[in-house]
Amino acid sequence: MVETKIDNFLQYLELEKRYSPLTVELYKSDLKHFTTYLMEYDFATIREVGHLHIRSWSVYLIEQGMLPSSIKRKLSTLKTYFKFLRKNGVIEQNPMMKVIAPKAGKTLPKVIEKKNLTRLFEQIEFGDDYNGVRNRLILELLYGTGMRRAELINLQLDNLDLHHQRIKVFGKGSKERLIPIAPYLMNLMQDYLRVRGEHFPESPPYIFLTEKGKKTYPKIIYNIVHRHLSLISTAEKRSPHTLRHSFATHLVDNGADLNAVKELLGHASLASTQVYTHNSIQRLQKVYEQAHPKARIKE
């Protein structure tokens, strides 16, 4: 009975908030986890759920070894869900008003060193077949633009502006932004589109396709990135998002304006972008300690 209005809520996220299918699926998973936990209370209606039940669930998640950041995300899902229920008159009081999410320790973004990425693009052989040309462009585009995996998957031919050397992407909440494309990326894109046209003359409008000419999906993009990054790095994180972090960090390292980096990444807040300055500070600290004659002198 606690599943009340969940389907309506998910439709609201998809149709009104215009969240991506992956984001909606995460909300659905969080709510399913929560309602499964609540089954032992045998509620007759969602109105009986109070803040103590939600706190109890939080404690349960902690005892299960879940990271504070993951618990915080799940509680954020509940906050949006109960806000939706109150707005639609299903509940009178939002139980989340008395719930405080656990503090998550800040972790710095993991990046791939510039020299390793240079080695990837200059020394690793990708091949001249469709997969090789496609895979190279995927890696180059993720690192060269900082776009998210979902943004890359949903790129369509109409999003390309080859004349002005830019590409249109749709980020979180379908927010649109334009990203400039460097000349070398333009050349790679044109080479790929030629090969793509030869293999799939009649295909979907999406730029990146599978071997069967279908739209790509998250797992295949992850596998492509992870496989190639494993050739040049032993970093713990070797995912598409690692290339996004590397893009932003290397820009900041080279003195890029933080507001410009924010716009390129599609961040809603500058606070989300400022995390990349920490990596720069760490790098400068390391250089200082290695190079300055008095850096290691103790009192």
C-alpha atoms as a PDB file:
ATOM      1  CA  MET A   1       0.000   0.000   0.000  1.00  0.00           C
ATOM      2  CA  VAL A   2       2.993   2.327   0.527  1.00  0.00           C
ATOM      3  CA  GLU A   3       3.608   2.316  -3.238  1.00  0.00           C
ATOM      4  CA  THR A   4       0.868   4.968  -3.492  1.00  0.00           C
ATOM      5  CA  LYS A   5       1.440   7.418  -6.362  1.00  0.00           C
ATOM      6  CA  ILE A   6       4.918   6.093  -7.221  1.00  0.00           C
ATOM      7  CA  ASP A   7       3.960   5.518 -10.856  1.00  0.00           C
ATOM      8  CA  ASN A   8       2.469   9.010 -11.020  1.00  0.00           C
ATOM      9  CA  PHE A   9       5.613  10.421  -9.447  1.00  0.00           C
ATOM     10  CA  LEU A  10       7.879   8.697 -11.990  1.00  0.00           C
ATOM     11  CA  GLN A  11       5.709  10.005 -14.830  1.00  0.00           C
ATOM     12  CA  TYR A  12       6.032  13.483 -13.330  1.00  0.00           C
ATOM     13  CA  LEU A  13       9.838  13.183 -13.351  1.00  0.00           C
ATOM     14  CA  GLU A  14       9.885  11.942 -16.915  1.00  0.00           C
ATOM     15  CA  LEU A  15       7.268  14.180 -18.533  1.00  0.00           C
ATOM     16  CA  GLU A  16       7.295  17.394 -16.508  1.00  0.00           C
ATOM     17  CA  LYS A  17      10.798  17.519 -15.050  1.00  0.00           C
ATOM     18  CA  ARG A  18      12.168  15.854 -18.209  1.00  0.00           C
ATOM     19  CA  TYR A  19      14.676  13.737 -16.315  1.00  0.00           C
ATOM     20  CA  SER A  20      16.657  11.198 -18.302  1.00  0.00           C
ATOM     21  CA  PRO A  21      15.507   7.531 -18.312  1.00  0.00           C
ATOM     22  CA  LEU A  22      18.585   6.595 -16.276  1.00  0.00           C
ATOM     23  CA  THR A  23      17.778   9.190 -13.592  1.00  0.00           C
ATOM     24  CA  VAL A  24      14.136   8.083 -13.429  1.00  0.00           C
ATOM     25  CA  GLU A  25      15.297   4.490 -13.039  1.00  0.00           C
ATOM     26  CA  LEU A  26      17.494   5.512 -10.073  1.00  0.00           C
ATOM     27  CA  TYR A  27      14.512   7.207  -8.398  1.00  0.00           C
ATOM     28  CA  LYS A  28      12.429   4.084  -9.007  1.00  0.00           C
ATOM     29  CA  SER A  29      15.126   1.854  -7.486  1.00  0.00           C
ATOM     30  CA  ASP A  30      15.454   4.062  -4.388  1.00  0.00           C
ATOM     31  CA  LEU A  31      11.695   4.095  -3.802  1.00  0.00           C
ATOM     32  CA  LYS A  32      11.443   0.338  -4.289  1.00  0.00           C
ATOM     33  CA  HIS A  33      14.194  -0.163  -1.708  1.00  0.00           C
ATOM     34  CA  PHE A  34      12.410   2.142   0.738  1.00  0.00           C
ATOM     35  CA  THR A  35       8.956   0.599   0.296  1.00  0.00           C
ATOM     36  CA  THR A  36      10.380  -2.907   0.634  1.00  0.00           C
ATOM     37  CA  TYR A  37      11.904  -1.911   3.972  1.00  0.00           C
ATOM     38  CA  LEU A  38       8.562  -0.472   5.120  1.00  0.00           C
ATOM     39  CA  MET A  39       6.613  -3.654   4.395  1.00  0.00           C
ATOM     40  CA  GLU A  40       7.273  -4.916   7.928  1.00  0.00           C
ATOM     41  CA  TYR A  41       5.231  -1.993   9.310  1.00  0.00           C
ATOM     42  CA  ASP A  42       2.117  -3.097   7.383  1.00  0.00           C
ATOM     43  CA  PHE A  43       0.953   0.452   6.642  1.00  0.00           C
ATOM     44  CA  ALA A  44      -2.533   0.980   5.279  1.00  0.00           C
ATOM     45  CA  THR A  45      -1.607   4.275   3.623  1.00  0.00           C
ATOM     46  CA  ILE A  46       1.447   6.381   2.830  1.00  0.00           C
ATOM     47  CA  ARG A  47       0.130   9.002   5.266  1.00  0.00           C
ATOM     48  CA  GLU A  48       1.277   6.784   8.166  1.00  0.00           C
ATOM     49  CA  VAL A  49       4.950   7.071   7.206  1.00  0.00           C
ATOM     50  CA  GLY A  50       6.724   9.428   9.598  1.00  0.00           C
ATOM     51  CA  HIS A  51      10.212  10.834  10.042  1.00  0.00           C
ATOM     52  CA  LEU A  52      11.098   8.108  12.574  1.00  0.00           C
ATOM     53  CA  HIS A  53      10.487   5.423   9.945  1.00  0.00           C
ATOM     54  CA  ILE A  54      12.774   7.244   7.523  1.00  0.00           C
ATOM     55  CA  ARG A  55      15.456   7.665  10.192  1.00  0.00           C
ATOM     56  CA  SER A  56      15.158   3.968  10.975  1.00  0.00           C
ATOM     57  CA  TRP A  57      15.737   3.197   7.306  1.00  0.00           C
ATOM     58  CA  SER A  58      18.812   5.447   7.302  1.00  0.00           C
ATOM     59  CA  VAL A  59      20.253   3.556  10.273  1.00  0.00           C
ATOM     60  CA  TYR A  60      19.535   0.277   8.510  1.00  0.00           C
ATOM     61  CA  LEU A  61      21.427   1.470   5.411  1.00  0.00           C
ATOM     62  CA  ILE A  62      24.391   2.520   7.561  1.00  0.00           C
ATOM     63  CA  GLU A  63      24.435  -0.891   9.253  1.00  0.00           C
ATOM     64  CA  GLN A  64      24.446  -2.487   5.796  1.00  0.00           C
ATOM     65  CA  GLY A  65      27.687  -0.609   5.061  1.00  0.00           C
ATOM     66  CA  MET A  66      26.233   1.842   2.532  1.00  0.00           C
ATOM     67  CA  LEU A  67      28.315   4.964   1.931  1.00  0.00           C
ATOM     68  CA  PRO A  68      26.970   8.264   3.333  1.00  0.00           C
ATOM     69  CA  SER A  69      26.927   9.720  -0.196  1.00  0.00           C
ATOM     70  CA  SER A  70      24.630   6.912  -1.391  1.00  0.00           C
ATOM     71  CA  ILE A  71      22.335   7.302   1.626  1.00  0.00           C
ATOM     72  CA  LYS A  72      22.197  11.032   1.004  1.00  0.00           C
ATOM     73  CA  ARG A  73      21.087  10.383  -2.580  1.00  0.00           C
ATOM     74  CA  LYS A  74      18.333   8.007  -1.462  1.00  0.00           C
ATOM     75  CA  LEU A  75      17.060  10.520   1.080  1.00  0.00           C
ATOM     76  CA  SER A  76      17.085  13.167  -1.632  1.00  0.00           C
ATOM     77  CA  THR A  77      14.812  10.873  -3.654  1.00  0.00           C
ATOM     78  CA  LEU A  78      12.409  10.630  -0.690  1.00  0.00           C
ATOM     79  CA  LYS A  79      12.495  14.388  -0.237  1.00  0.00           C
ATOM     80  CA  THR A  80      11.399  14.923  -3.844  1.00  0.00           C
ATOM     81  CA  TYR A  81       8.807  12.146  -3.602  1.00  0.00           C
ATOM     82  CA  PHE A  82       7.128  13.410  -0.421  1.00  0.00           C
ATOM     83  CA  LYS A  83       7.221  16.964  -1.741  1.00  0.00           C
ATOM     84  CA  PHE A  84       5.308  15.689  -4.788  1.00  0.00           C
ATOM     85  CA  LEU A  85       2.777  13.899  -2.559  1.00  0.00           C
ATOM     86  CA  ARG A  86       2.161  17.002  -0.453  1.00  0.00           C
ATOM     87  CA  LYS A  87       1.789  19.191  -3.538  1.00  0.00           C
ATOM     88  CA  ASN A  88      -0.873  16.811  -4.840  1.00  0.00           C
ATOM     89  CA  GLY A  89      -2.746  16.642  -1.533  1.00  0.00           C
ATOM     90  CA  VAL A  90      -1.884  13.023  -0.759  1.00  0.00           C
ATOM     91  CA  ILE A  91      -0.199  13.913   2.565  1.00  0.00           C
ATOM     92  CA  GLU A  92      -0.577  16.903   4.870  1.00  0.00           C
ATOM     93  CA  GLN A  93       2.908  16.945   6.386  1.00  0.00           C
ATOM     94  CA  ASN A  94       6.232  16.146   4.727  1.00  0.00           C
ATOM     95  CA  PRO A  95       8.076  13.688   7.054  1.00  0.00           C
ATOM     96  CA  MET A  96      11.386  14.590   5.427  1.00  0.00           C
ATOM     97  CA  MET A  97      11.311  18.008   7.125  1.00  0.00           C
ATOM     98  CA  LYS A  98      12.632  16.374  10.314  1.00  0.00           C
ATOM     99  CA  VAL A  99      15.220  14.133   8.639  1.00  0.00           C
ATOM    100  CA  ILE A 100      18.881  15.134   8.362  1.00  0.00           C
ATOM    101  CA  ALA A 101      21.028  13.307   5.842  1.00  0.00           C
ATOM    102  CA  PRO A 102      24.394  11.915   7.029  1.00  0.00           C
ATOM    103  CA  LYS A 103      27.364  14.064   6.130  1.00  0.00           C
ATOM    104  CA  ALA A 104      29.433  12.638   3.305  1.00  0.00           C
ATOM    105  CA  GLY A 105      33.162  13.206   3.318  1.00  0.00           C
ATOM    106  CA  LYS A 106      34.389  15.140   0.307  1.00  0.00           C
ATOM    107  CA  THR A 107      36.370  13.082  -2.177  1.00  0.00           C
ATOM    108  CA  LEU A 108      38.480  14.632  -4.884  1.00  0.00           C
ATOM    109  CA  PRO A 109      37.738  13.654  -8.477  1.00  0.00           C
ATOM    110  CA  LYS A 110      39.972  10.904  -9.844  1.00  0.00           C
ATOM    111  CA  VAL A 111      41.766  11.863 -13.045  1.00  0.00           C
ATOM    112  CA  ILE A 112      44.059  10.311 -15.636  1.00  0.00           C
ATOM    113  CA  GLU A 113      47.434  12.011 -15.973  1.00  0.00           C
ATOM    114  CA  LYS A 114      48.014  14.053 -19.126  1.00  0.00           C
ATOM    115  CA  LYS A 115      51.025  11.996 -20.170  1.00  0.00           C
ATOM    116  CA  ASN A 116      48.977   8.796 -20.017  1.00  0.00           C
ATOM    117  CA  LEU A 117      46.184  10.258 -22.118  1.00  0.00           C
ATOM    118  CA  THR A 118      48.764  11.494 -24.612  1.00  0.00           C
ATOM    119  CA  ARG A 119      50.104   7.958 -24.820  1.00  0.00           C
ATOM    120  CA  LEU A 120      46.593   6.597 -25.342  1.00  0.00           C
ATOM    121  CA  PHE A 121      45.846   8.839 -28.293  1.00  0.00           C
ATOM    122  CA  GLU A 122      49.302   8.841 -29.863  1.00  0.00           C
ATOM    123  CA  GLN A 123      50.608   5.316 -29.304  1.00  0.00           C
ATOM    124  CA  ILE A 124      47.623   2.967 -28.921  1.00  0.00           C
ATOM    125  CA  GLU A 125      46.339   1.459 -32.166  1.00  0.00           C
ATOM    126  CA  PHE A 126      42.560   1.725 -32.528  1.00  0.00           C
ATOM    127  CA  GLY A 127      42.171   0.261 -36.001  1.00  0.00           C
ATOM    128  CA  ASP A 128      40.596   1.559 -39.213  1.00  0.00           C
ATOM    129  CA  ASP A 129      37.409  -0.515 -39.051  1.00  0.00           C
ATOM    130  CA  TYR A 130      34.090   0.908 -37.823  1.00  0.00           C
ATOM    131  CA  ASN A 131      34.638  -0.057 -34.171  1.00  0.00           C
ATOM    132  CA  GLY A 132      38.157   1.358 -34.112  1.00  0.00           C
ATOM    133  CA  VAL A 133      37.185   4.720 -35.614  1.00  0.00           C
ATOM    134  CA  ARG A 134      34.095   4.939 -33.388  1.00  0.00           C
ATOM    135  CA  ASN A 135      35.921   3.997 -30.183  1.00  0.00           C
ATOM    136  CA  ARG A 136      38.669   6.552 -30.742  1.00  0.00           C
ATOM    137  CA  LEU A 137      36.126   9.328 -31.344  1.00  0.00           C
ATOM    138  CA  ILE A 138      34.185   8.356 -28.210  1.00  0.00           C
ATOM    139  CA  LEU A 139      37.307   8.635 -26.051  1.00  0.00           C
ATOM    140  CA  GLU A 140      38.504  11.819 -27.744  1.00  0.00           C
ATOM    141  CA  LEU A 141      35.079  13.447 -27.463  1.00  0.00           C
ATOM    142  CA  LEU A 142      34.614  12.578 -23.781  1.00  0.00           C
ATOM    143  CA  TYR A 143      38.040  13.981 -22.908  1.00  0.00           C
ATOM    144  CA  GLY A 144      37.945  16.829 -25.429  1.00  0.00           C
ATOM    145  CA  THR A 145      34.545  18.213 -24.379  1.00  0.00           C
ATOM    146  CA  GLY A 146      33.908  16.916 -20.848  1.00  0.00           C
ATOM    147  CA  MET A 147      30.399  15.795 -21.742  1.00  0.00           C
ATOM    148  CA  ARG A 148      28.611  13.156 -19.688  1.00  0.00           C
ATOM    149  CA  ARG A 149      28.110   9.593 -20.898  1.00  0.00           C
ATOM    150  CA  ALA A 150      24.340  10.071 -21.268  1.00  0.00           C
ATOM    151  CA  GLU A 151      24.923  13.259 -23.245  1.00  0.00           C
ATOM    152  CA  LEU A 152      27.228  11.432 -25.628  1.00  0.00           C
ATOM    153  CA  ILE A 153      24.809   8.533 -26.103  1.00  0.00           C
ATOM    154  CA  ASN A 154      21.951  10.900 -26.958  1.00  0.00           C
ATOM    155  CA  LEU A 155      23.909  13.008 -29.456  1.00  0.00           C
ATOM    156  CA  GLN A 156      22.140  13.229 -32.806  1.00  0.00           C
ATOM    157  CA  LEU A 157      23.367  14.289 -36.224  1.00  0.00           C
ATOM    158  CA  ASP A 158      21.294  17.479 -35.972  1.00  0.00           C
ATOM    159  CA  ASN A 159      23.263  18.451 -32.854  1.00  0.00           C
ATOM    160  CA  LEU A 160      26.422  18.931 -34.932  1.00  0.00           C
ATOM    161  CA  ASP A 161      27.297  22.369 -36.264  1.00  0.00           C
ATOM    162  CA  LEU A 162      30.359  21.624 -38.357  1.00  0.00           C
ATOM    163  CA  HIS A 163      30.451  25.115 -39.863  1.00  0.00           C
ATOM    164  CA  HIS A 164      30.755  26.874 -36.485  1.00  0.00           C
ATOM    165  CA  GLN A 165      32.710  23.983 -34.942  1.00  0.00           C
ATOM    166  CA  ARG A 166      30.425  23.308 -32.020  1.00  0.00           C
ATOM    167  CA  ILE A 167      28.081  20.651 -30.752  1.00  0.00           C
ATOM    168  CA  LYS A 168      24.772  20.917 -28.910  1.00  0.00           C
ATOM    169  CA  VAL A 169      24.234  18.654 -25.910  1.00  0.00           C
ATOM    170  CA  PHE A 170      21.301  18.211 -23.559  1.00  0.00           C
ATOM    171  CA  GLY A 171      22.352  17.820 -19.931  1.00  0.00           C
ATOM    172  CA  LYS A 172      20.469  17.135 -16.735  1.00  0.00           C
ATOM    173  CA  GLY A 173      16.868  18.231 -16.903  1.00  0.00           C
ATOM    174  CA  SER A 174      17.289  18.500 -20.701  1.00  0.00           C
ATOM    175  CA  LYS A 175      19.195  21.736 -20.211  1.00  0.00           C
ATOM    176  CA  GLU A 176      20.797  22.708 -23.521  1.00  0.00           C
ATOM    177  CA  ARG A 177      24.365  23.948 -23.936  1.00  0.00           C
ATOM    178  CA  LEU A 178      26.827  24.454 -26.776  1.00  0.00           C
ATOM    179  CA  ILE A 179      30.360  23.070 -26.580  1.00  0.00           C
ATOM    180  CA  PRO A 180      33.128  24.188 -28.957  1.00  0.00           C
ATOM    181  CA  ILE A 181      34.903  21.439 -30.889  1.00  0.00           C
ATOM    182  CA  ALA A 182      38.640  21.687 -31.543  1.00  0.00           C
ATOM    183  CA  PRO A 183      39.809  21.265 -35.174  1.00  0.00           C
ATOM    184  CA  TYR A 184      41.334  17.834 -34.474  1.00  0.00           C
ATOM    185  CA  LEU A 185      37.973  16.658 -33.101  1.00  0.00           C
ATOM    186  CA  MET A 186      36.233  18.027 -36.182  1.00  0.00           C
ATOM    187  CA  ASN A 187      38.514  15.937 -38.397  1.00  0.00           C
ATOM    188  CA  LEU A 188      37.908  12.811 -36.313  1.00  0.00           C
ATOM    189  CA  MET A 189      34.157  13.425 -36.394  1.00  0.00           C
ATOM    190  CA  GLN A 190      34.132  13.797 -40.179  1.00  0.00           C
ATOM    191  CA  ASP A 191      36.191  10.624 -40.603  1.00  0.00           C
ATOM    192  CA  TYR A 192      33.808   8.738 -38.348  1.00  0.00           C
ATOM    193  CA  LEU A 193      30.683  10.017 -40.112  1.00  0.00           C
ATOM    194  CA  ARG A 194      32.132   8.867 -43.433  1.00  0.00           C
ATOM    195  CA  VAL A 195      32.789   5.354 -42.097  1.00  0.00           C
ATOM    196  CA  ARG A 196      29.410   5.350 -40.339  1.00  0.00           C
ATOM    197  CA  GLY A 197      27.662   6.235 -43.591  1.00  0.00           C
ATOM    198  CA  GLU A 198      29.429   3.438 -45.437  1.00  0.00           C
ATOM    199  CA  HIS A 199      28.385   0.824 -42.867  1.00  0.00           C
ATOM    200  CA  PHE A 200      24.914   2.139 -41.978  1.00  0.00           C
ATOM    201  CA  PRO A 201      23.456   4.207 -44.854  1.00  0.00           C
ATOM    202  CA  GLU A 202      19.992   3.922 -43.297  1.00  0.00           C
ATOM    203  CA  SER A 203      20.302   4.250 -39.550  1.00  0.00           C
ATOM    204  CA  PRO A 204      18.880   6.057 -36.489  1.00  0.00           C
ATOM    205  CA  PRO A 205      19.686   9.775 -36.091  1.00  0.00           C
ATOM    206  CA  TYR A 206      21.980   9.074 -33.144  1.00  0.00           C
ATOM    207  CA  ILE A 207      25.659   9.682 -33.884  1.00  0.00           C
ATOM    208  CA  PHE A 208      27.112   6.678 -32.079  1.00  0.00           C
ATOM    209  CA  LEU A 209      25.838   3.261 -33.101  1.00  0.00           C
ATOM    210  CA  THR A 210      26.538  -0.340 -32.126  1.00  0.00           C
ATOM    211  CA  GLU A 211      27.955  -2.908 -34.551  1.00  0.00           C
ATOM    212  CA  LYS A 212      24.361  -3.650 -35.566  1.00  0.00           C
ATOM    213  CA  GLY A 213      23.551  -0.032 -36.344  1.00  0.00           C
ATOM    214  CA  LYS A 214      21.481   0.579 -33.213  1.00  0.00           C
ATOM    215  CA  LYS A 215      21.759   3.356 -30.658  1.00  0.00           C
ATOM    216  CA  THR A 216      24.530   2.751 -28.133  1.00  0.00           C
ATOM    217  CA  TYR A 217      23.780   2.268 -24.432  1.00  0.00           C
ATOM    218  CA  PRO A 218      25.571   3.026 -21.122  1.00  0.00           C
ATOM    219  CA  LYS A 219      27.266  -0.362 -20.676  1.00  0.00           C
ATOM    220  CA  ILE A 220      28.926  -0.401 -24.088  1.00  0.00           C
ATOM    221  CA  ILE A 221      30.307   3.123 -23.613  1.00  0.00           C
ATOM    222  CA  TYR A 222      31.622   2.195 -20.171  1.00  0.00           C
ATOM    223  CA  ASN A 223      33.288  -0.951 -21.524  1.00  0.00           C
ATOM    224  CA  ILE A 224      34.970   0.954 -24.363  1.00  0.00           C
ATOM    225  CA  VAL A 225      36.382   3.570 -21.995  1.00  0.00           C
ATOM    226  CA  HIS A 226      37.407   1.138 -19.270  1.00  0.00           C
ATOM    227  CA  ARG A 227      39.141  -1.209 -21.710  1.00  0.00           C
ATOM    228  CA  HIS A 228      41.222   1.527 -23.318  1.00  0.00           C
ATOM    229  CA  LEU A 229      42.082   3.383 -20.112  1.00  0.00           C
ATOM    230  CA  SER A 230      43.275   0.079 -18.649  1.00  0.00           C
ATOM    231  CA  LEU A 231      45.956   0.033 -21.368  1.00  0.00           C
ATOM    232  CA  ILE A 232      47.590   3.220 -20.099  1.00  0.00           C
ATOM    233  CA  SER A 233      46.612   3.592 -16.427  1.00  0.00           C
ATOM    234  CA  THR A 234      46.210   1.585 -13.242  1.00  0.00           C
ATOM    235  CA  ALA A 235      43.934   4.239 -11.720  1.00  0.00           C
ATOM    236  CA  GLU A 236      41.110   2.837  -9.612  1.00  0.00           C
ATOM    237  CA  LYS A 237      38.504   4.782 -11.594  1.00  0.00           C
ATOM    238  CA  ARG A 238      38.579   4.219 -15.369  1.00  0.00           C
ATOM    239  CA  SER A 239      35.107   5.277 -16.428  1.00  0.00           C
ATOM    240  CA  PRO A 240      33.603   7.856 -18.818  1.00  0.00           C
ATOM    241  CA  HIS A 241      33.198  10.204 -15.849  1.00  0.00           C
ATOM    242  CA  THR A 242      36.931   9.913 -15.167  1.00  0.00           C
ATOM    243  CA  LEU A 243      37.535  11.505 -18.576  1.00  0.00           C
ATOM    244  CA  ARG A 244      35.085  14.283 -17.661  1.00  0.00           C
ATOM    245  CA  HIS A 245      37.019  14.883 -14.433  1.00  0.00           C
ATOM    246  CA  SER A 246      40.293  14.830 -16.370  1.00  0.00           C
ATOM    247  CA  PHE A 247      38.942  17.367 -18.878  1.00  0.00           C
ATOM    248  CA  ALA A 248      37.958  19.810 -16.129  1.00  0.00           C
ATOM    249  CA  THR A 249      41.069  19.300 -14.005  1.00  0.00           C
ATOM    250  CA  HIS A 250      43.470  19.790 -16.901  1.00  0.00           C
ATOM    251  CA  LEU A 251      41.653  22.971 -17.933  1.00  0.00           C
ATOM    252  CA  VAL A 252      41.923  24.379 -14.404  1.00  0.00           C
ATOM    253  CA  ASP A 253      45.569  23.268 -14.168  1.00  0.00           C
ATOM    254  CA  ASN A 254      46.289  25.328 -17.272  1.00  0.00           C
ATOM    255  CA  GLY A 255      44.640  28.442 -15.857  1.00  0.00           C
ATOM    256  CA  ALA A 256      41.153  28.244 -17.399  1.00  0.00           C
ATOM    257  CA  ASP A 257      38.546  30.581 -15.914  1.00  0.00           C
ATOM    258  CA  LEU A 258      36.409  28.636 -13.462  1.00  0.00           C
ATOM    259  CA  ASN A 259      33.158  30.141 -14.741  1.00  0.00           C
ATOM    260  CA  ALA A 260      34.049  29.063 -18.275  1.00  0.00           C
ATOM    261  CA  VAL A 261      34.729  25.515 -17.052  1.00  0.00           C
ATOM    262  CA  LYS A 262      31.376  25.593 -15.250  1.00  0.00           C
ATOM    263  CA  GLU A 263      29.587  26.447 -18.507  1.00  0.00           C
ATOM    264  CA  LEU A 264      31.449  23.781 -20.476  1.00  0.00           C
ATOM    265  CA  LEU A 265      30.521  21.118 -17.918  1.00  0.00           C
ATOM    266  CA  GLY A 266      26.907  22.249 -17.659  1.00  0.00           C
ATOM    267  CA  HIS A 267      27.046  22.696 -13.886  1.00  0.00           C
ATOM    268  CA  ALA A 268      24.140  24.566 -12.308  1.00  0.00           C
ATOM    269  CA  SER A 269      26.337  25.913  -9.514  1.00  0.00           C
ATOM    270  CA  LEU A 270      29.932  27.133  -9.395  1.00  0.00           C
ATOM    271  CA  ALA A 271      30.347  25.142  -6.182  1.00  0.00           C
ATOM    272  CA  SER A 272      30.206  21.928  -8.227  1.00  0.00           C
ATOM    273  CA  THR A 273      33.070  23.164 -10.396  1.00  0.00           C
ATOM    274  CA  GLN A 274      35.256  24.433  -7.557  1.00  0.00           C
ATOM    275  CA  VAL A 275      36.157  20.885  -6.534  1.00  0.00           C
ATOM    276  CA  TYR A 276      38.566  20.826  -9.484  1.00  0.00           C
ATOM    277  CA  THR A 277      40.618  23.623  -7.940  1.00  0.00           C
ATOM    278  CA  HIS A 278      41.584  21.243  -5.128  1.00  0.00           C
ATOM    279  CA  ASN A 279      43.426  19.016  -7.553  1.00  0.00           C
ATOM    280  CA  SER A 280      45.288  22.056  -8.855  1.00  0.00           C
ATOM    281  CA  ILE A 281      46.207  23.105  -5.327  1.00  0.00           C
ATOM    282  CA  GLN A 282      47.443  19.593  -4.578  1.00  0.00           C
ATOM    283  CA  ARG A 283      49.540  19.654  -7.738  1.00  0.00           C
ATOM    284  CA  LEU A 284      51.030  23.054  -6.841  1.00  0.00           C
ATOM    285  CA  GLN A 285      51.747  21.838  -3.320  1.00  0.00           C
ATOM    286  CA  LYS A 286      53.614  18.836  -4.705  1.00  0.00           C
ATOM    287  CA  VAL A 287      55.644  21.018  -7.075  1.00  0.00           C
ATOM    288  CA  TYR A 288      56.470  23.398  -4.230  1.00  0.00           C
ATOM    289  CA  GLU A 289      57.612  20.611  -1.933  1.00  0.00           C
ATOM    290  CA  GLN A 290      59.795  19.119  -4.641  1.00  0.00           C
ATOM    291  CA  ALA A 291      61.299  22.330  -5.978  1.00  0.00           C
ATOM    292  CA  HIS A 292      61.603  24.914  -3.226  1.00  0.00           C
ATOM    293  CA  PRO A 293      64.857  24.646  -1.233  1.00  0.00           C
ATOM    294  CA  LYS A 294      63.171  25.453   2.078  1.00  0.00           C
ATOM    295  CA  ALA A 295      59.929  23.549   1.579  1.00  0.00           C
ATOM    296  CA  ARG A 296      61.094  20.576   3.654  1.00  0.00           C
ATOM    297  CA  ILE A 297      62.841  22.480   6.412  1.00  0.00           C
ATOM    298  CA  LYS A 298      61.273  21.679   9.766  1.00  0.00           C
ATOM    299  CA  GLU A 299      61.062  24.116  12.688  1.00  0.00           C
END
